[in-house]
């Protein structure tokens, strides 16, 4: 399975994008997170996505998509043959998480929970 396929599929399944403006950054952030933490908590997902801005406000769906991608990746690894070479869990892409977007964690959580 292509390494980005579970991420793309999860975003499609969860309706985690609308205009597509943030999708590539969100997928890269999710890829980096799941490379480091195979089964992240919601708190870890929120922290990893901090600094990524979605103009359409699909943050809850994005969090759900990251959770789904984690499950898809786990299922994919469980289905591989034991003697076959393993695929990387995710490419070693580490996007900046400097939080330079102007939103701090409280703003992100407010958008996620309240939608404003």
Foldseek 3Di string as FASTA:
>chain_A
DPLLVLLVVLCVVLVQADPCPQSVVLSLLLLQLCLVPLQDDLVSSLQSCQQGDHPVLSVLSSSSSSNSSSVVLVVVQVPDDPPDDDDRSGPNRDDDSPNPNPDDSVNSVCCNPVVD
